[in-house]
Amino acid sequence: MKISFIKTKQDEGVYLIPRAMGMDIYEINQPEEIDQKIDELKQNEYKTIVISNELASFSEKIVPNYQNDPNLKIIILPSK
């Protein structure tokens, strides 16, 4: 199972433990790019994607497209 984390440049230092465990962490420049990055990771067969609550608020596809997708789980972590 492929797991990834998505962060923005402002989230520096937030995902140190997952990075130390060897998990993939992807950085986006603008929060508005979240849906594009999720689609890209889904095409690369990632099954679990972890994002912050703040990033989730910028997504227009989480509820209508990803919520009922049996091949993709999006975990939303509380923001700071």
N, C-alpha and C. Protein backbone atom coordinates (compact mmCIF):
# COMPACT_ATOMS: atom_id res chain seq x y z
N MET A 1 0.84 -1.17 0.00
CA MET A 1 0.00 0.00 0.00
C MET A 1 0.89 1.23 0.00
N LYS A 2 0.64 2.15 -0.92
CA LYS A 2 1.43 3.37 -1.03
C LYS A 2 0.75 4.49 -0.25
N ILE A 3 1.51 5.12 0.65
CA ILE A 3 1.00 6.20 1.48
C ILE A 3 1.82 7.45 1.18
N SER A 4 1.14 8.59 1.05
CA SER A 4 1.85 9.84 0.83
C SER A 4 1.26 10.95 1.68
N PHE A 5 2.06 11.94 1.91
CA PHE A 5 1.65 13.15 2.62
C PHE A 5 1.80 14.31 1.65
N ILE A 6 0.90 15.26 1.73
CA ILE A 6 1.01 16.47 0.92
C ILE A 6 1.12 17.64 1.88
N LYS A 7 2.08 18.52 1.59
CA LYS A 7 2.27 19.69 2.44
C LYS A 7 2.53 20.91 1.56
N THR A 8 2.43 22.07 2.17
CA THR A 8 2.80 23.30 1.50
C THR A 8 4.17 23.73 2.01
N LYS A 9 4.75 24.71 1.37
CA LYS A 9 6.07 25.19 1.81
C LYS A 9 6.01 25.74 3.23
N GLN A 10 4.86 26.25 3.63
CA GLN A 10 4.71 26.81 4.97
C GLN A 10 4.69 25.73 6.05
N ASP A 11 4.50 24.48 5.69
CA ASP A 11 4.44 23.37 6.65
C ASP A 11 5.83 22.81 6.93
N GLU A 12 6.83 23.62 6.90
CA GLU A 12 8.20 23.15 7.10
C GLU A 12 8.36 22.51 8.48
N GLY A 13 8.91 21.32 8.51
CA GLY A 13 9.17 20.64 9.77
C GLY A 13 7.99 19.87 10.34
N VAL A 14 6.83 19.93 9.70
CA VAL A 14 5.64 19.30 10.25
C VAL A 14 5.69 17.78 10.08
N TYR A 15 6.22 17.29 8.99
CA TYR A 15 6.18 15.86 8.69
C TYR A 15 7.55 15.20 8.88
N LEU A 16 8.24 15.53 9.94
CA LEU A 16 9.57 14.96 10.17
C LEU A 16 9.51 13.46 10.47
N ILE A 17 8.55 13.03 11.25
CA ILE A 17 8.46 11.60 11.61
C ILE A 17 8.11 10.75 10.40
N PRO A 18 7.06 11.10 9.60
CA PRO A 18 6.80 10.28 8.41
C PRO A 18 7.99 10.25 7.45
N ARG A 19 8.68 11.38 7.32
CA ARG A 19 9.86 11.42 6.43
C ARG A 19 10.94 10.48 6.97
N ALA A 20 11.15 10.47 8.29
CA ALA A 20 12.14 9.59 8.90
C ALA A 20 11.77 8.12 8.72
N MET A 21 10.48 7.84 8.62
CA MET A 21 10.01 6.46 8.42
C MET A 21 10.04 6.06 6.95
N GLY A 22 10.45 6.98 6.08
CA GLY A 22 10.58 6.65 4.67
C GLY A 22 9.32 6.85 3.85
N MET A 23 8.33 7.50 4.40
CA MET A 23 7.09 7.76 3.65
C MET A 23 7.30 8.90 2.67
N ASP A 24 6.54 8.90 1.60
CA ASP A 24 6.65 9.93 0.58
C ASP A 24 5.93 11.19 1.02
N ILE A 25 6.62 12.32 0.90
CA ILE A 25 6.04 13.61 1.25
C ILE A 25 6.19 14.51 0.03
N TYR A 26 5.06 15.02 -0.45
CA TYR A 26 5.07 15.89 -1.61
C TYR A 26 4.71 17.30 -1.19
N GLU A 27 5.37 18.24 -1.82
CA GLU A 27 5.17 19.65 -1.48
C GLU A 27 4.50 20.36 -2.66
N ILE A 28 3.50 21.16 -2.36
CA ILE A 28 2.87 21.99 -3.38
C ILE A 28 3.17 23.44 -3.05
N ASN A 29 3.22 24.26 -4.09
CA ASN A 29 3.55 25.68 -3.90
C ASN A 29 2.37 26.48 -3.36
N GLN A 30 1.20 26.19 -3.87
CA GLN A 30 -0.01 26.92 -3.48
C GLN A 30 -1.07 25.92 -3.01
N PRO A 31 -1.82 26.23 -1.96
CA PRO A 31 -2.87 25.31 -1.48
C PRO A 31 -3.91 24.99 -2.55
N GLU A 32 -4.10 25.89 -3.50
CA GLU A 32 -5.08 25.66 -4.56
C GLU A 32 -4.70 24.51 -5.49
N GLU A 33 -3.47 24.03 -5.41
CA GLU A 33 -2.99 22.93 -6.25
C GLU A 33 -3.33 21.56 -5.66
N ILE A 34 -4.05 21.51 -4.56
CA ILE A 34 -4.28 20.25 -3.84
C ILE A 34 -5.01 19.21 -4.69
N ASP A 35 -6.06 19.60 -5.40
CA ASP A 35 -6.81 18.62 -6.20
C ASP A 35 -5.94 18.05 -7.32
N GLN A 36 -5.15 18.89 -7.94
CA GLN A 36 -4.26 18.44 -9.00
C GLN A 36 -3.25 17.41 -8.46
N LYS A 37 -2.69 17.67 -7.28
CA LYS A 37 -1.71 16.74 -6.70
C LYS A 37 -2.37 15.43 -6.28
N ILE A 38 -3.59 15.50 -5.72
CA ILE A 38 -4.30 14.27 -5.35
C ILE A 38 -4.57 13.43 -6.59
N ASP A 39 -5.02 14.06 -7.68
CA ASP A 39 -5.26 13.32 -8.92
C ASP A 39 -3.98 12.67 -9.44
N GLU A 40 -2.87 13.40 -9.35
CA GLU A 40 -1.58 12.87 -9.79
C GLU A 40 -1.17 11.65 -8.96
N LEU A 41 -1.33 11.74 -7.65
CA LEU A 41 -0.97 10.62 -6.78
C LEU A 41 -1.88 9.43 -6.99
N LYS A 42 -3.16 9.69 -7.23
CA LYS A 42 -4.10 8.61 -7.51
C LYS A 42 -3.70 7.87 -8.79
N GLN A 43 -3.28 8.60 -9.81
CA GLN A 43 -2.83 7.98 -11.05
C GLN A 43 -1.57 7.15 -10.84
N ASN A 44 -0.76 7.55 -9.85
CA ASN A 44 0.45 6.80 -9.52
C ASN A 44 0.19 5.70 -8.50
N GLU A 45 -1.08 5.35 -8.33
CA GLU A 45 -1.55 4.23 -7.52
C GLU A 45 -1.28 4.37 -6.02
N TYR A 46 -1.31 5.59 -5.52
CA TYR A 46 -1.27 5.79 -4.07
C TYR A 46 -2.66 5.49 -3.54
N LYS A 47 -2.73 4.75 -2.46
CA LYS A 47 -4.01 4.34 -1.88
C LYS A 47 -4.43 5.20 -0.70
N THR A 48 -3.45 5.79 0.00
CA THR A 48 -3.73 6.62 1.17
C THR A 48 -2.97 7.92 1.04
N ILE A 49 -3.69 9.03 1.19
CA ILE A 49 -3.09 10.35 1.10
C ILE A 49 -3.46 11.11 2.36
N VAL A 50 -2.45 11.70 3.00
CA VAL A 50 -2.65 12.43 4.25
C VAL A 50 -2.44 13.91 3.97
N ILE A 51 -3.43 14.74 4.36
CA ILE A 51 -3.31 16.18 4.19
C ILE A 51 -3.81 16.87 5.45
N SER A 52 -3.46 18.13 5.58
CA SER A 52 -3.93 18.90 6.74
C SER A 52 -5.35 19.39 6.49
N ASN A 53 -6.01 19.74 7.56
CA ASN A 53 -7.36 20.29 7.47
C ASN A 53 -7.36 21.57 6.64
N GLU A 54 -6.31 22.36 6.80
CA GLU A 54 -6.20 23.60 6.03
C GLU A 54 -6.15 23.33 4.53
N LEU A 55 -5.34 22.34 4.12
CA LEU A 55 -5.29 21.99 2.70
C LEU A 55 -6.61 21.41 2.21
N ALA A 56 -7.25 20.64 3.03
CA ALA A 56 -8.53 20.05 2.65
C ALA A 56 -9.57 21.12 2.35
N SER A 57 -9.48 22.24 3.04
CA SER A 57 -10.45 23.30 2.82
C SER A 57 -10.31 23.93 1.43
N PHE A 58 -9.17 23.75 0.78
CA PHE A 58 -8.96 24.28 -0.57
C PHE A 58 -9.41 23.29 -1.65
N SER A 59 -9.71 22.07 -1.29
CA SER A 59 -10.10 21.06 -2.27
C SER A 59 -11.58 21.19 -2.62
N GLU A 60 -11.84 21.10 -3.91
CA GLU A 60 -13.21 21.10 -4.39
C GLU A 60 -13.69 19.68 -4.70
N LYS A 61 -12.80 18.71 -4.61
CA LYS A 61 -13.14 17.34 -5.02
C LYS A 61 -13.21 16.33 -3.89
N ILE A 62 -12.82 16.69 -2.68
CA ILE A 62 -12.75 15.69 -1.61
C ILE A 62 -14.11 15.03 -1.40
N VAL A 63 -15.13 15.80 -1.21
CA VAL A 63 -16.46 15.21 -0.95
C VAL A 63 -17.08 14.63 -2.21
N PRO A 64 -17.20 15.37 -3.32
CA PRO A 64 -17.91 14.80 -4.46
C PRO A 64 -17.16 13.69 -5.20
N ASN A 65 -15.83 13.73 -5.22
CA ASN A 65 -15.10 12.75 -6.03
C ASN A 65 -14.38 11.67 -5.23
N TYR A 66 -13.78 12.03 -4.12
CA TYR A 66 -12.93 11.09 -3.41
C TYR A 66 -13.61 10.39 -2.24
N GLN A 67 -14.66 10.96 -1.69
CA GLN A 67 -15.28 10.41 -0.49
C GLN A 67 -15.75 8.97 -0.66
N ASN A 68 -16.30 8.65 -1.80
CA ASN A 68 -16.84 7.31 -2.03
C ASN A 68 -15.96 6.46 -2.93
N ASP A 69 -14.72 6.87 -3.14
CA ASP A 69 -13.80 6.11 -3.98
C ASP A 69 -13.23 4.95 -3.17
N PRO A 70 -13.53 3.70 -3.53
CA PRO A 70 -13.04 2.56 -2.75
C PRO A 70 -11.54 2.33 -2.88
N ASN A 71 -10.89 2.96 -3.85
CA ASN A 71 -9.46 2.75 -4.08
C ASN A 71 -8.59 3.85 -3.49
N LEU A 72 -9.20 4.81 -2.80
CA LEU A 72 -8.43 5.94 -2.29
C LEU A 72 -8.98 6.37 -0.93
N LYS A 73 -8.08 6.52 0.03
CA LYS A 73 -8.45 7.04 1.34
C LYS A 73 -7.70 8.33 1.56
N ILE A 74 -8.42 9.37 1.93
CA ILE A 74 -7.80 10.64 2.26
C ILE A 74 -7.98 10.87 3.74
N ILE A 75 -6.88 11.02 4.43
CA ILE A 75 -6.88 11.25 5.86
C ILE A 75 -6.61 12.73 6.09
N ILE A 76 -7.48 13.39 6.82
CA ILE A 76 -7.35 14.80 7.08
C ILE A 76 -6.92 15.00 8.53
N LEU A 77 -5.74 15.58 8.69
CA LEU A 77 -5.19 15.84 10.03
C LEU A 77 -5.60 17.23 10.50
N PRO A 78 -5.82 17.39 11.80
CA PRO A 78 -6.14 18.72 12.31
C PRO A 78 -4.98 19.68 12.05
N SER A 79 -5.33 20.93 11.75
CA SER A 79 -4.31 21.96 11.56
C SER A 79 -3.77 22.40 12.90
N LYS A 80 -2.67 23.14 12.86
CA LYS A 80 -2.07 23.63 14.09
C LYS A 80 -3.01 24.50 14.87
